[in-house]
Amino acid sequence: HSYDDFAIDALKERELSDFPPYSYQAILRASSPSSNSVENFLNRARLCALELKSEAIDVYDAVPAPIHKIAGLIRGQLLVQSTLRKPLRIFLKRWMKEISNLNESGVRFVLDVVPIDV
């Protein structure tokens, strides 16, 4: 039960699951006083992502953030990932242009590329 054994096992699990460092991720994080606004924004952003994505991109369902509410704001997130960096970078550039036009009232959002926590 050494650190080296633990690290080898953890990396094998991550490789089988296509998690970093074997994939590249970005998370769209949204917050608003209204849970409906966050949900609507993330669902619309997901539909947009599904239209823009290539085969190399995986788009997951929108979910509540691990800490769902902070300072009166409801928070949610949407994960996208790829095993290839370049297709993800191209996708994110196009996706951000589309997301900026969604204009959901009172929703603030940020795209976290290479997030530390999911």
PDB file of N, CA and C in Angstrom:
ATOM      1  N   HIS A   1       0.823  -1.202   0.000  1.00  0.00           N
ATOM      2  CA  HIS A   1       0.000   0.000   0.000  1.00  0.00           C
ATOM      3  C   HIS A   1       0.860   1.256   0.000  1.00  0.00           C
ATOM      4  N   SER A   2       1.698   1.363  -0.993  1.00  0.00           N
ATOM      5  CA  SER A   2       2.571   2.532  -1.092  1.00  0.00           C
ATOM      6  C   SER A   2       1.909   3.620  -1.943  1.00  0.00           C
ATOM      7  N   TYR A   3       2.480   4.801  -1.865  1.00  0.00           N
ATOM      8  CA  TYR A   3       1.984   5.900  -2.683  1.00  0.00           C
ATOM      9  C   TYR A   3       2.097   5.553  -4.166  1.00  0.00           C
ATOM     10  N   ASP A   4       3.212   4.958  -4.550  1.00  0.00           N
ATOM     11  CA  ASP A   4       3.410   4.598  -5.955  1.00  0.00           C
ATOM     12  C   ASP A   4       2.316   3.655  -6.448  1.00  0.00           C
ATOM     13  N   ASP A   5       1.969   2.655  -5.646  1.00  0.00           N
ATOM     14  CA  ASP A   5       0.898   1.727  -6.024  1.00  0.00           C
ATOM     15  C   ASP A   5      -0.435   2.458  -6.150  1.00  0.00           C
ATOM     16  N   PHE A   6      -0.706   3.341  -5.188  1.00  0.00           N
ATOM     17  CA  PHE A   6      -1.937   4.130  -5.234  1.00  0.00           C
ATOM     18  C   PHE A   6      -1.988   4.976  -6.508  1.00  0.00           C
ATOM     19  N   ALA A   7      -0.893   5.659  -6.815  1.00  0.00           N
ATOM     20  CA  ALA A   7      -0.848   6.534  -7.991  1.00  0.00           C
ATOM     21  C   ALA A   7      -1.037   5.738  -9.275  1.00  0.00           C
ATOM     22  N   ILE A   8      -0.416   4.588  -9.366  1.00  0.00           N
ATOM     23  CA  ILE A   8      -0.563   3.747 -10.560  1.00  0.00           C
ATOM     24  C   ILE A   8      -2.006   3.303 -10.724  1.00  0.00           C
ATOM     25  N   ASP A   9      -2.636   2.877  -9.637  1.00  0.00           N
ATOM     26  CA  ASP A   9      -4.039   2.450  -9.702  1.00  0.00           C
ATOM     27  C   ASP A   9      -4.958   3.614 -10.060  1.00  0.00           C
ATOM     28  N   ALA A  10      -4.720   4.773  -9.456  1.00  0.00           N
ATOM     29  CA  ALA A  10      -5.552   5.951  -9.733  1.00  0.00           C
ATOM     30  C   ALA A  10      -5.437   6.363 -11.200  1.00  0.00           C
ATOM     31  N   LEU A  11      -4.232   6.330 -11.741  1.00  0.00           N
ATOM     32  CA  LEU A  11      -4.047   6.693 -13.145  1.00  0.00           C
ATOM     33  C   LEU A  11      -4.702   5.686 -14.083  1.00  0.00           C
ATOM     34  N   LYS A  12      -4.664   4.417 -13.728  1.00  0.00           N
ATOM     35  CA  LYS A  12      -5.339   3.404 -14.547  1.00  0.00           C
ATOM     36  C   LYS A  12      -6.845   3.658 -14.572  1.00  0.00           C
ATOM     37  N   GLU A  13      -7.426   3.971 -13.410  1.00  0.00           N
ATOM     38  CA  GLU A  13      -8.863   4.275 -13.335  1.00  0.00           C
ATOM     39  C   GLU A  13      -9.197   5.496 -14.171  1.00  0.00           C
ATOM     40  N   ARG A  14      -8.375   6.523 -14.088  1.00  0.00           N
ATOM     41  CA  ARG A  14      -8.621   7.745 -14.854  1.00  0.00           C
ATOM     42  C   ARG A  14      -8.513   7.486 -16.354  1.00  0.00           C
ATOM     43  N   GLU A  15      -7.578   6.649 -16.756  1.00  0.00           N
ATOM     44  CA  GLU A  15      -7.438   6.323 -18.172  1.00  0.00           C
ATOM     45  C   GLU A  15      -8.655   5.566 -18.680  1.00  0.00           C
ATOM     46  N   LEU A  16      -9.143   4.610 -17.908  1.00  0.00           N
ATOM     47  CA  LEU A  16     -10.333   3.847 -18.308  1.00  0.00           C
ATOM     48  C   LEU A  16     -11.577   4.732 -18.387  1.00  0.00           C
ATOM     49  N   SER A  17     -11.631   5.766 -17.563  1.00  0.00           N
ATOM     50  CA  SER A  17     -12.798   6.658 -17.509  1.00  0.00           C
ATOM     51  C   SER A  17     -12.651   7.878 -18.409  1.00  0.00           C
ATOM     52  N   ASP A  18     -11.526   7.997 -19.100  1.00  0.00           N
ATOM     53  CA  ASP A  18     -11.227   9.185 -19.906  1.00  0.00           C
ATOM     54  C   ASP A  18     -11.271  10.465 -19.074  1.00  0.00           C
ATOM     55  N   PHE A  19     -10.703  10.411 -17.885  1.00  0.00           N
ATOM     56  CA  PHE A  19     -10.578  11.598 -17.033  1.00  0.00           C
ATOM     57  C   PHE A  19      -9.158  12.141 -17.170  1.00  0.00           C
ATOM     58  N   PRO A  20      -8.964  13.423 -16.843  1.00  0.00           N
ATOM     59  CA  PRO A  20      -7.615  13.981 -16.894  1.00  0.00           C
ATOM     60  C   PRO A  20      -6.664  13.122 -16.062  1.00  0.00           C
ATOM     61  N   PRO A  21      -5.470  12.944 -16.507  1.00  0.00           N
ATOM     62  CA  PRO A  21      -4.786  13.639 -17.596  1.00  0.00           C
ATOM     63  C   PRO A  21      -4.969  12.995 -18.971  1.00  0.00           C
ATOM     64  N   TYR A  22      -5.939  12.110 -19.119  1.00  0.00           N
ATOM     65  CA  TYR A  22      -6.180  11.427 -20.393  1.00  0.00           C
ATOM     66  C   TYR A  22      -7.275  12.106 -21.216  1.00  0.00           C
ATOM     67  N   SER A  23      -7.786  13.206 -20.724  1.00  0.00           N
ATOM     68  CA  SER A  23      -8.759  14.001 -21.467  1.00  0.00           C
ATOM     69  C   SER A  23      -8.609  15.454 -21.040  1.00  0.00           C
ATOM     70  N   TYR A  24      -9.287  16.318 -21.766  1.00  0.00           N
ATOM     71  CA  TYR A  24      -9.278  17.753 -21.488  1.00  0.00           C
ATOM     72  C   TYR A  24     -10.710  18.164 -21.219  1.00  0.00           C
ATOM     73  N   GLN A  25     -10.908  18.998 -20.204  1.00  0.00           N
ATOM     74  CA  GLN A  25     -12.261  19.352 -19.786  1.00  0.00           C
ATOM     75  C   GLN A  25     -12.444  20.860 -19.713  1.00  0.00           C
ATOM     76  N   ALA A  26     -13.703  21.245 -19.803  1.00  0.00           N
ATOM     77  CA  ALA A  26     -14.116  22.619 -19.548  1.00  0.00           C
ATOM     78  C   ALA A  26     -15.497  22.544 -18.896  1.00  0.00           C
ATOM     79  N   ILE A  27     -15.737  23.442 -17.959  1.00  0.00           N
ATOM     80  CA  ILE A  27     -17.031  23.486 -17.269  1.00  0.00           C
ATOM     81  C   ILE A  27     -17.628  24.871 -17.440  1.00  0.00           C
ATOM     82  N   LEU A  28     -18.850  24.905 -17.908  1.00  0.00           N
ATOM     83  CA  LEU A  28     -19.613  26.140 -17.948  1.00  0.00           C
ATOM     84  C   LEU A  28     -20.331  26.251 -16.607  1.00  0.00           C
ATOM     85  N   ARG A  29     -19.988  27.276 -15.827  1.00  0.00           N
ATOM     86  CA  ARG A  29     -20.602  27.480 -14.518  1.00  0.00           C
ATOM     87  C   ARG A  29     -21.533  28.684 -14.605  1.00  0.00           C
ATOM     88  N   ALA A  30     -22.743  28.532 -14.068  1.00  0.00           N
ATOM     89  CA  ALA A  30     -23.734  29.607 -14.119  1.00  0.00           C
ATOM     90  C   ALA A  30     -24.313  29.830 -12.735  1.00  0.00           C
ATOM     91  N   SER A  31     -24.700  31.073 -12.461  1.00  0.00           N
ATOM     92  CA  SER A  31     -25.330  31.388 -11.182  1.00  0.00           C
ATOM     93  C   SER A  31     -26.362  32.494 -11.367  1.00  0.00           C
ATOM     94  N   SER A  32     -27.381  32.441 -10.511  1.00  0.00           N
ATOM     95  CA  SER A  32     -28.467  33.416 -10.551  1.00  0.00           C
ATOM     96  C   SER A  32     -29.284  33.260  -9.270  1.00  0.00           C
ATOM     97  N   PRO A  33     -30.007  34.299  -8.872  1.00  0.00           N
ATOM     98  CA  PRO A  33     -30.924  34.132  -7.736  1.00  0.00           C
ATOM     99  C   PRO A  33     -32.056  33.149  -8.048  1.00  0.00           C
ATOM    100  N   SER A  34     -32.318  32.924  -9.327  1.00  0.00           N
ATOM    101  CA  SER A  34     -33.421  32.060  -9.751  1.00  0.00           C
ATOM    102  C   SER A  34     -32.903  30.712 -10.253  1.00  0.00           C
ATOM    103  N   SER A  35     -33.365  29.641  -9.626  1.00  0.00           N
ATOM    104  CA  SER A  35     -32.947  28.310 -10.085  1.00  0.00           C
ATOM    105  C   SER A  35     -33.470  28.027 -11.491  1.00  0.00           C
ATOM    106  N   ASN A  36     -34.652  28.546 -11.824  1.00  0.00           N
ATOM    107  CA  ASN A  36     -35.196  28.348 -13.174  1.00  0.00           C
ATOM    108  C   ASN A  36     -34.315  29.002 -14.231  1.00  0.00           C
ATOM    109  N   SER A  37     -33.805  30.179 -13.918  1.00  0.00           N
ATOM    110  CA  SER A  37     -32.937  30.874 -14.875  1.00  0.00           C
ATOM    111  C   SER A  37     -31.649  30.100 -15.117  1.00  0.00           C
ATOM    112  N   VAL A  38     -31.058  29.572 -14.047  1.00  0.00           N
ATOM    113  CA  VAL A  38     -29.825  28.785 -14.190  1.00  0.00           C
ATOM    114  C   VAL A  38     -30.107  27.533 -15.008  1.00  0.00           C
ATOM    115  N   GLU A  39     -31.165  26.842 -14.673  1.00  0.00           N
ATOM    116  CA  GLU A  39     -31.512  25.612 -15.383  1.00  0.00           C
ATOM    117  C   GLU A  39     -31.792  25.891 -16.857  1.00  0.00           C
ATOM    118  N   ASN A  40     -32.581  26.926 -17.147  1.00  0.00           N
ATOM    119  CA  ASN A  40     -32.890  27.279 -18.540  1.00  0.00           C
ATOM    120  C   ASN A  40     -31.629  27.635 -19.314  1.00  0.00           C
ATOM    121  N   PHE A  41     -30.774  28.449 -18.711  1.00  0.00           N
ATOM    122  CA  PHE A  41     -29.540  28.859 -19.386  1.00  0.00           C
ATOM    123  C   PHE A  41     -28.668  27.654 -19.704  1.00  0.00           C
ATOM    124  N   LEU A  42     -28.435  26.792 -18.722  1.00  0.00           N
ATOM    125  CA  LEU A  42     -27.569  25.634 -18.943  1.00  0.00           C
ATOM    126  C   LEU A  42     -28.167  24.645 -19.930  1.00  0.00           C
ATOM    127  N   ASN A  43     -29.468  24.461 -19.901  1.00  0.00           N
ATOM    128  CA  ASN A  43     -30.108  23.561 -20.868  1.00  0.00           C
ATOM    129  C   ASN A  43     -30.007  24.111 -22.286  1.00  0.00           C
ATOM    130  N   ARG A  44     -30.171  25.415 -22.431  1.00  0.00           N
ATOM    131  CA  ARG A  44     -30.025  26.032 -23.752  1.00  0.00           C
ATOM    132  C   ARG A  44     -28.575  25.971 -24.220  1.00  0.00           C
ATOM    133  N   ALA A  45     -27.637  26.181 -23.293  1.00  0.00           N
ATOM    134  CA  ALA A  45     -26.218  26.085 -23.632  1.00  0.00           C
ATOM    135  C   ALA A  45     -25.868  24.652 -24.050  1.00  0.00           C
ATOM    136  N   ARG A  46     -26.468  23.670 -23.396  1.00  0.00           N
ATOM    137  CA  ARG A  46     -26.225  22.264 -23.742  1.00  0.00           C
ATOM    138  C   ARG A  46     -26.739  21.960 -25.153  1.00  0.00           C
ATOM    139  N   LEU A  47     -27.945  22.427 -25.464  1.00  0.00           N
ATOM    140  CA  LEU A  47     -28.490  22.206 -26.807  1.00  0.00           C
ATOM    141  C   LEU A  47     -27.598  22.837 -27.869  1.00  0.00           C
ATOM    142  N   CYS A  48     -27.116  24.016 -27.571  1.00  0.00           N
ATOM    143  CA  CYS A  48     -26.203  24.694 -28.483  1.00  0.00           C
ATOM    144  C   CYS A  48     -24.919  23.872 -28.652  1.00  0.00           C
ATOM    145  N   ALA A  49     -24.398  23.351 -27.552  1.00  0.00           N
ATOM    146  CA  ALA A  49     -23.178  22.541 -27.602  1.00  0.00           C
ATOM    147  C   ALA A  49     -23.387  21.286 -28.441  1.00  0.00           C
ATOM    148  N   LEU A  50     -24.541  20.664 -28.289  1.00  0.00           N
ATOM    149  CA  LEU A  50     -24.826  19.451 -29.047  1.00  0.00           C
ATOM    150  C   LEU A  50     -24.880  19.728 -30.545  1.00  0.00           C
ATOM    151  N   GLU A  51     -25.344  20.919 -30.929  1.00  0.00           N
ATOM    152  CA  GLU A  51     -25.393  21.288 -32.341  1.00  0.00           C
ATOM    153  C   GLU A  51     -23.997  21.572 -32.904  1.00  0.00           C
ATOM    154  N   LEU A  52     -23.113  22.113 -32.077  1.00  0.00           N
ATOM    155  CA  LEU A  52     -21.783  22.528 -32.535  1.00  0.00           C
ATOM    156  C   LEU A  52     -20.715  21.451 -32.441  1.00  0.00           C
ATOM    157  N   LYS A  53     -20.930  20.461 -31.604  1.00  0.00           N
ATOM    158  CA  LYS A  53     -19.859  19.517 -31.275  1.00  0.00           C
ATOM    159  C   LYS A  53     -19.506  18.594 -32.434  1.00  0.00           C
ATOM    160  N   SER A  54     -18.282  18.118 -32.385  1.00  0.00           N
ATOM    161  CA  SER A  54     -17.829  17.084 -33.312  1.00  0.00           C
ATOM    162  C   SER A  54     -17.841  15.754 -32.568  1.00  0.00           C
ATOM    163  N   GLU A  55     -17.454  14.697 -33.253  1.00  0.00           N
ATOM    164  CA  GLU A  55     -17.410  13.383 -32.615  1.00  0.00           C
ATOM    165  C   GLU A  55     -16.406  13.344 -31.471  1.00  0.00           C
ATOM    166  N   ALA A  56     -15.412  14.210 -31.513  1.00  0.00           N
ATOM    167  CA  ALA A  56     -14.350  14.207 -30.500  1.00  0.00           C
ATOM    168  C   ALA A  56     -14.787  14.846 -29.181  1.00  0.00           C
ATOM    169  N   ILE A  57     -15.961  15.472 -29.159  1.00  0.00           N
ATOM    170  CA  ILE A  57     -16.410  16.209 -27.975  1.00  0.00           C
ATOM    171  C   ILE A  57     -17.542  15.463 -27.290  1.00  0.00           C
ATOM    172  N   ASP A  58     -17.452  15.358 -25.968  1.00  0.00           N
ATOM    173  CA  ASP A  58     -18.537  14.800 -25.159  1.00  0.00           C
ATOM    174  C   ASP A  58     -19.194  15.941 -24.390  1.00  0.00           C
ATOM    175  N   VAL A  59     -20.520  15.991 -24.439  1.00  0.00           N
ATOM    176  CA  VAL A  59     -21.287  17.006 -23.721  1.00  0.00           C
ATOM    177  C   VAL A  59     -22.171  16.280 -22.713  1.00  0.00           C
ATOM    178  N   TYR A  60     -22.056  16.663 -21.462  1.00  0.00           N
ATOM    179  CA  TYR A  60     -22.819  16.008 -20.402  1.00  0.00           C
ATOM    180  C   TYR A  60     -24.024  16.851 -20.016  1.00  0.00           C
ATOM    181  N   ASP A  61     -24.904  16.278 -19.225  1.00  0.00           N
ATOM    182  CA  ASP A  61     -26.089  16.997 -18.758  1.00  0.00           C
ATOM    183  C   ASP A  61     -25.703  18.090 -17.771  1.00  0.00           C
ATOM    184  N   ALA A  62     -26.507  19.136 -17.724  1.00  0.00           N
ATOM    185  CA  ALA A  62     -26.330  20.190 -16.727  1.00  0.00           C
ATOM    186  C   ALA A  62     -26.717  19.631 -15.363  1.00  0.00           C
ATOM    187  N   VAL A  63     -25.955  19.999 -14.349  1.00  0.00           N
ATOM    188  CA  VAL A  63     -26.202  19.523 -12.988  1.00  0.00           C
ATOM    189  C   VAL A  63     -26.013  20.682 -12.007  1.00  0.00           C
ATOM    190  N   PRO A  64     -26.581  20.557 -10.810  1.00  0.00           N
ATOM    191  CA  PRO A  64     -26.295  21.558  -9.776  1.00  0.00           C
ATOM    192  C   PRO A  64     -24.799  21.533  -9.423  1.00  0.00           C
ATOM    193  N   ALA A  65     -24.266  22.670  -9.047  1.00  0.00           N
ATOM    194  CA  ALA A  65     -22.875  22.726  -8.600  1.00  0.00           C
ATOM    195  C   ALA A  65     -22.741  21.975  -7.281  1.00  0.00           C
ATOM    196  N   PRO A  66     -21.535  21.494  -6.956  1.00  0.00           N
ATOM    197  CA  PRO A  66     -21.354  20.781  -5.689  1.00  0.00           C
ATOM    198  C   PRO A  66     -21.838  21.588  -4.485  1.00  0.00           C
ATOM    199  N   ILE A  67     -21.573  22.884  -4.480  1.00  0.00           N
ATOM    200  CA  ILE A  67     -22.171  23.773  -3.478  1.00  0.00           C
ATOM    201  C   ILE A  67     -23.254  24.533  -4.231  1.00  0.00           C
ATOM    202  N   HIS A  68     -24.480  24.068  -4.042  1.00  0.00           N
ATOM    203  CA  HIS A  68     -25.612  24.505  -4.871  1.00  0.00           C
ATOM    204  C   HIS A  68     -25.981  25.977  -4.686  1.00  0.00           C
ATOM    205  N   LYS A  69     -25.792  26.503  -3.488  1.00  0.00           N
ATOM    206  CA  LYS A  69     -26.204  27.879  -3.225  1.00  0.00           C
ATOM    207  C   LYS A  69     -25.136  28.585  -2.400  1.00  0.00           C
ATOM    208  N   ILE A  70     -24.727  29.750  -2.890  1.00  0.00           N
ATOM    209  CA  ILE A  70     -23.767  30.589  -2.175  1.00  0.00           C
ATOM    210  C   ILE A  70     -24.236  32.036  -2.264  1.00  0.00           C
ATOM    211  N   ALA A  71     -24.295  32.691  -1.123  1.00  0.00           N
ATOM    212  CA  ALA A  71     -24.653  34.116  -1.057  1.00  0.00           C
ATOM    213  C   ALA A  71     -25.961  34.408  -1.797  1.00  0.00           C
ATOM    214  N   GLY A  72     -26.926  33.515  -1.658  1.00  0.00           N
ATOM    215  CA  GLY A  72     -28.232  33.719  -2.266  1.00  0.00           C
ATOM    216  C   GLY A  72     -28.293  33.393  -3.753  1.00  0.00           C
ATOM    217  N   LEU A  73     -27.212  32.901  -4.316  1.00  0.00           N
ATOM    218  CA  LEU A  73     -27.187  32.563  -5.737  1.00  0.00           C
ATOM    219  C   LEU A  73     -27.235  31.053  -5.920  1.00  0.00           C
ATOM    220  N   ILE A  74     -28.117  30.612  -6.804  1.00  0.00           N
ATOM    221  CA  ILE A  74     -28.208  29.199  -7.181  1.00  0.00           C
ATOM    222  C   ILE A  74     -27.165  28.958  -8.269  1.00  0.00           C
ATOM    223  N   ARG A  75     -26.442  27.854  -8.152  1.00  0.00           N
ATOM    224  CA  ARG A  75     -25.346  27.587  -9.075  1.00  0.00           C
ATOM    225  C   ARG A  75     -25.515  26.243  -9.767  1.00  0.00           C
ATOM    226  N   GLY A  76     -25.120  26.182 -11.023  1.00  0.00           N
ATOM    227  CA  GLY A  76     -25.162  24.944 -11.790  1.00  0.00           C
ATOM    228  C   GLY A  76     -23.968  24.885 -12.719  1.00  0.00           C
ATOM    229  N   GLN A  77     -23.776  23.721 -13.338  1.00  0.00           N
ATOM    230  CA  GLN A  77     -22.625  23.573 -14.224  1.00  0.00           C
ATOM    231  C   GLN A  77     -22.892  22.549 -15.310  1.00  0.00           C
ATOM    232  N   LEU A  78     -22.117  22.669 -16.374  1.00  0.00           N
ATOM    233  CA  LEU A  78     -22.222  21.802 -17.545  1.00  0.00           C
ATOM    234  C   LEU A  78     -20.812  21.439 -17.995  1.00  0.00           C
ATOM    235  N   LEU A  79     -20.518  20.148 -18.048  1.00  0.00           N
ATOM    236  CA  LEU A  79     -19.185  19.659 -18.388  1.00  0.00           C
ATOM    237  C   LEU A  79     -19.114  19.257 -19.852  1.00  0.00           C
ATOM    238  N   VAL A  80     -18.025  19.662 -20.503  1.00  0.00           N
ATOM    239  CA  VAL A  80     -17.685  19.170 -21.840  1.00  0.00           C
ATOM    240  C   VAL A  80     -16.252  18.664 -21.771  1.00  0.00           C
ATOM    241  N   GLN A  81     -15.963  17.624 -22.537  1.00  0.00           N
ATOM    242  CA  GLN A  81     -14.606  17.087 -22.529  1.00  0.00           C
ATOM    243  C   GLN A  81     -14.266  16.430 -23.851  1.00  0.00           C
ATOM    244  N   SER A  82     -12.964  16.238 -24.036  1.00  0.00           N
ATOM    245  CA  SER A  82     -12.453  15.582 -25.236  1.00  0.00           C
ATOM    246  C   SER A  82     -11.114  14.943 -24.902  1.00  0.00           C
ATOM    247  N   THR A  83     -10.797  13.882 -25.593  1.00  0.00           N
ATOM    248  CA  THR A  83      -9.476  13.286 -25.429  1.00  0.00           C
ATOM    249  C   THR A  83      -8.448  14.008 -26.294  1.00  0.00           C
ATOM    250  N   LEU A  84      -8.926  14.945 -27.124  1.00  0.00           N
ATOM    251  CA  LEU A  84      -8.045  15.716 -28.006  1.00  0.00           C
ATOM    252  C   LEU A  84      -8.167  17.202 -27.687  1.00  0.00           C
ATOM    253  N   ARG A  85      -7.053  17.862 -27.477  1.00  0.00           N
ATOM    254  CA  ARG A  85      -7.054  19.276 -27.077  1.00  0.00           C
ATOM    255  C   ARG A  85      -7.528  20.207 -28.200  1.00  0.00           C
ATOM    256  N   LYS A  86      -7.030  20.014 -29.415  1.00  0.00           N
ATOM    257  CA  LYS A  86      -7.340  20.956 -30.497  1.00  0.00           C
ATOM    258  C   LYS A  86      -8.837  20.999 -30.832  1.00  0.00           C
ATOM    259  N   PRO A  87      -9.514  19.849 -31.004  1.00  0.00           N
ATOM    260  CA  PRO A  87     -10.954  19.921 -31.268  1.00  0.00           C
ATOM    261  C   PRO A  87     -11.727  20.597 -30.129  1.00  0.00           C
ATOM    262  N   LEU A  88     -11.292  20.391 -28.889  1.00  0.00           N
ATOM    263  CA  LEU A  88     -11.972  21.039 -27.766  1.00  0.00           C
ATOM    264  C   LEU A  88     -11.763  22.551 -27.827  1.00  0.00           C
ATOM    265  N   ARG A  89     -10.562  22.974 -28.123  1.00  0.00           N
ATOM    266  CA  ARG A  89     -10.280  24.408 -28.209  1.00  0.00           C
ATOM    267  C   ARG A  89     -11.117  25.073 -29.301  1.00  0.00           C
ATOM    268  N   ILE A  90     -11.206  24.436 -30.455  1.00  0.00           N
ATOM    269  CA  ILE A  90     -12.009  24.969 -31.562  1.00  0.00           C
ATOM    270  C   ILE A  90     -13.488  25.023 -31.168  1.00  0.00           C
ATOM    271  N   PHE A  91     -13.969  23.945 -30.565  1.00  0.00           N
ATOM    272  CA  PHE A  91     -15.359  23.895 -30.114  1.00  0.00           C
ATOM    273  C   PHE A  91     -15.653  24.996 -29.097  1.00  0.00           C
ATOM    274  N   LEU A  92     -14.777  25.168 -28.107  1.00  0.00           N
ATOM    275  CA  LEU A  92     -15.018  26.163 -27.054  1.00  0.00           C
ATOM    276  C   LEU A  92     -15.085  27.575 -27.612  1.00  0.00           C
ATOM    277  N   LYS A  93     -14.252  27.865 -28.573  1.00  0.00           N
ATOM    278  CA  LYS A  93     -14.268  29.198 -29.191  1.00  0.00           C
ATOM    279  C   LYS A  93     -15.612  29.463 -29.863  1.00  0.00           C
ATOM    280  N   ARG A  94     -16.106  28.512 -30.610  1.00  0.00           N
ATOM    281  CA  ARG A  94     -17.409  28.659 -31.291  1.00  0.00           C
ATOM    282  C   ARG A  94     -18.556  28.680 -30.275  1.00  0.00           C
ATOM    283  N   TRP A  95     -18.458  27.810 -29.276  1.00  0.00           N
ATOM    284  CA  TRP A  95     -19.523  27.696 -28.274  1.00  0.00           C
ATOM    285  C   TRP A  95     -19.671  28.982 -27.467  1.00  0.00           C
ATOM    286  N   MET A  96     -18.543  29.588 -27.086  1.00  0.00           N
ATOM    287  CA  MET A  96     -18.606  30.821 -26.295  1.00  0.00           C
ATOM    288  C   MET A  96     -19.303  31.944 -27.060  1.00  0.00           C
ATOM    289  N   LYS A  97     -19.088  32.007 -28.359  1.00  0.00           N
ATOM    290  CA  LYS A  97     -19.784  33.025 -29.156  1.00  0.00           C
ATOM    291  C   LYS A  97     -21.292  32.824 -29.067  1.00  0.00           C
ATOM    292  N   GLU A  98     -21.726  31.572 -29.157  1.00  0.00           N
ATOM    293  CA  GLU A  98     -23.160  31.269 -29.097  1.00  0.00           C
ATOM    294  C   GLU A  98     -23.728  31.488 -27.693  1.00  0.00           C
ATOM    295  N   ILE A  99     -22.997  31.074 -26.682  1.00  0.00           N
ATOM    296  CA  ILE A  99     -23.457  31.227 -25.302  1.00  0.00           C
ATOM    297  C   ILE A  99     -23.653  32.698 -24.954  1.00  0.00           C
ATOM    298  N   SER A 100     -22.762  33.535 -25.444  1.00  0.00           N
ATOM    299  CA  SER A 100     -22.846  34.969 -25.150  1.00  0.00           C
ATOM    300  C   SER A 100     -24.141  35.577 -25.652  1.00  0.00           C
ATOM    301  N   ASN A 101     -24.789  34.934 -26.613  1.00  0.00           N
ATOM    302  CA  ASN A 101     -26.039  35.443 -27.168  1.00  0.00           C
ATOM    303  C   ASN A 101     -27.293  34.868 -26.499  1.00  0.00           C
ATOM    304  N   LEU A 102     -27.124  33.998 -25.518  1.00  0.00           N
ATOM    305  CA  LEU A 102     -28.298  33.369 -24.895  1.00  0.00           C
ATOM    306  C   LEU A 102     -29.098  34.340 -24.027  1.00  0.00           C
ATOM    307  N   ASN A 103     -28.445  35.294 -23.392  1.00  0.00           N
ATOM    308  CA  ASN A 103     -29.111  36.376 -22.658  1.00  0.00           C
ATOM    309  C   ASN A 103     -30.211  35.930 -21.702  1.00  0.00           C
ATOM    310  N   GLU A 104     -29.950  34.963 -20.870  1.00  0.00           N
ATOM    311  CA  GLU A 104     -30.919  34.583 -19.839  1.00  0.00           C
ATOM    312  C   GLU A 104     -30.854  35.635 -18.736  1.00  0.00           C
ATOM    313  N   SER A 105     -31.988  36.172 -18.355  1.00  0.00           N
ATOM    314  CA  SER A 105     -32.060  37.273 -17.402  1.00  0.00           C
ATOM    315  C   SER A 105     -31.434  36.914 -16.052  1.00  0.00           C
ATOM    316  N   GLY A 106     -30.507  37.754 -15.608  1.00  0.00           N
ATOM    317  CA  GLY A 106     -29.921  37.609 -14.287  1.00  0.00           C
ATOM    318  C   GLY A 106     -28.916  36.487 -14.127  1.00  0.00           C
ATOM    319  N   VAL A 107     -28.532  35.824 -15.210  1.00  0.00           N
ATOM    320  CA  VAL A 107     -27.583  34.715 -15.106  1.00  0.00           C
ATOM    321  C   VAL A 107     -26.182  35.220 -15.409  1.00  0.00           C
ATOM    322  N   ARG A 108     -25.274  34.901 -14.497  1.00  0.00           N
ATOM    323  CA  ARG A 108     -23.857  35.172 -14.713  1.00  0.00           C
ATOM    324  C   ARG A 108     -23.192  33.834 -14.994  1.00  0.00           C
ATOM    325  N   PHE A 109     -22.249  33.840 -15.920  1.00  0.00           N
ATOM    326  CA  PHE A 109     -21.604  32.565 -16.252  1.00  0.00           C
ATOM    327  C   PHE A 109     -20.118  32.778 -16.510  1.00  0.00           C
ATOM    328  N   VAL A 110     -19.396  31.679 -16.372  1.00  0.00           N
ATOM    329  CA  VAL A 110     -17.958  31.672 -16.651  1.00  0.00           C
ATOM    330  C   VAL A 110     -17.621  30.282 -17.207  1.00  0.00           C
ATOM    331  N   LEU A 111     -16.710  30.262 -18.157  1.00  0.00           N
ATOM    332  CA  LEU A 111     -16.228  28.994 -18.704  1.00  0.00           C
ATOM    333  C   LEU A 111     -14.886  28.699 -18.054  1.00  0.00           C
ATOM    334  N   ASP A 112     -14.827  27.623 -17.307  1.00  0.00           N
ATOM    335  CA  ASP A 112     -13.621  27.208 -16.590  1.00  0.00           C
ATOM    336  C   ASP A 112     -12.939  26.112 -17.418  1.00  0.00           C
ATOM    337  N   VAL A 113     -11.847  26.479 -18.080  1.00  0.00           N
ATOM    338  CA  VAL A 113     -11.109  25.534 -18.919  1.00  0.00           C
ATOM    339  C   VAL A 113     -10.027  24.895 -18.051  1.00  0.00           C
ATOM    340  N   VAL A 114      -9.902  23.579 -18.143  1.00  0.00           N
ATOM    341  CA  VAL A 114      -9.016  22.778 -17.306  1.00  0.00           C
ATOM    342  C   VAL A 114      -9.353  23.027 -15.831  1.00  0.00           C
ATOM    343  N   PRO A 115     -10.593  22.679 -15.453  1.00  0.00           N
ATOM    344  CA  PRO A 115     -11.020  22.934 -14.073  1.00  0.00           C
ATOM    345  C   PRO A 115     -10.283  22.056 -13.069  1.00  0.00           C
ATOM    346  N   ILE A 116     -10.089  22.612 -11.885  1.00  0.00           N
ATOM    347  CA  ILE A 116      -9.455  21.846 -10.809  1.00  0.00           C
ATOM    348  C   ILE A 116     -10.459  20.888 -10.186  1.00  0.00           C
ATOM    349  N   ASP A 117     -11.712  21.347 -10.044  1.00  0.00           N
ATOM    350  CA  ASP A 117     -12.758  20.477  -9.495  1.00  0.00           C
ATOM    351  C   ASP A 117     -13.928  20.412 -10.447  1.00  0.00           C
ATOM    352  N   VAL A 118     -14.589  19.270 -10.455  1.00  0.00           N
ATOM    353  CA  VAL A 118     -15.713  19.054 -11.374  1.00  0.00           C
ATOM    354  C   VAL A 118     -16.999  19.020 -10.596  1.00  0.00           C
TER     355      VAL A 118
END
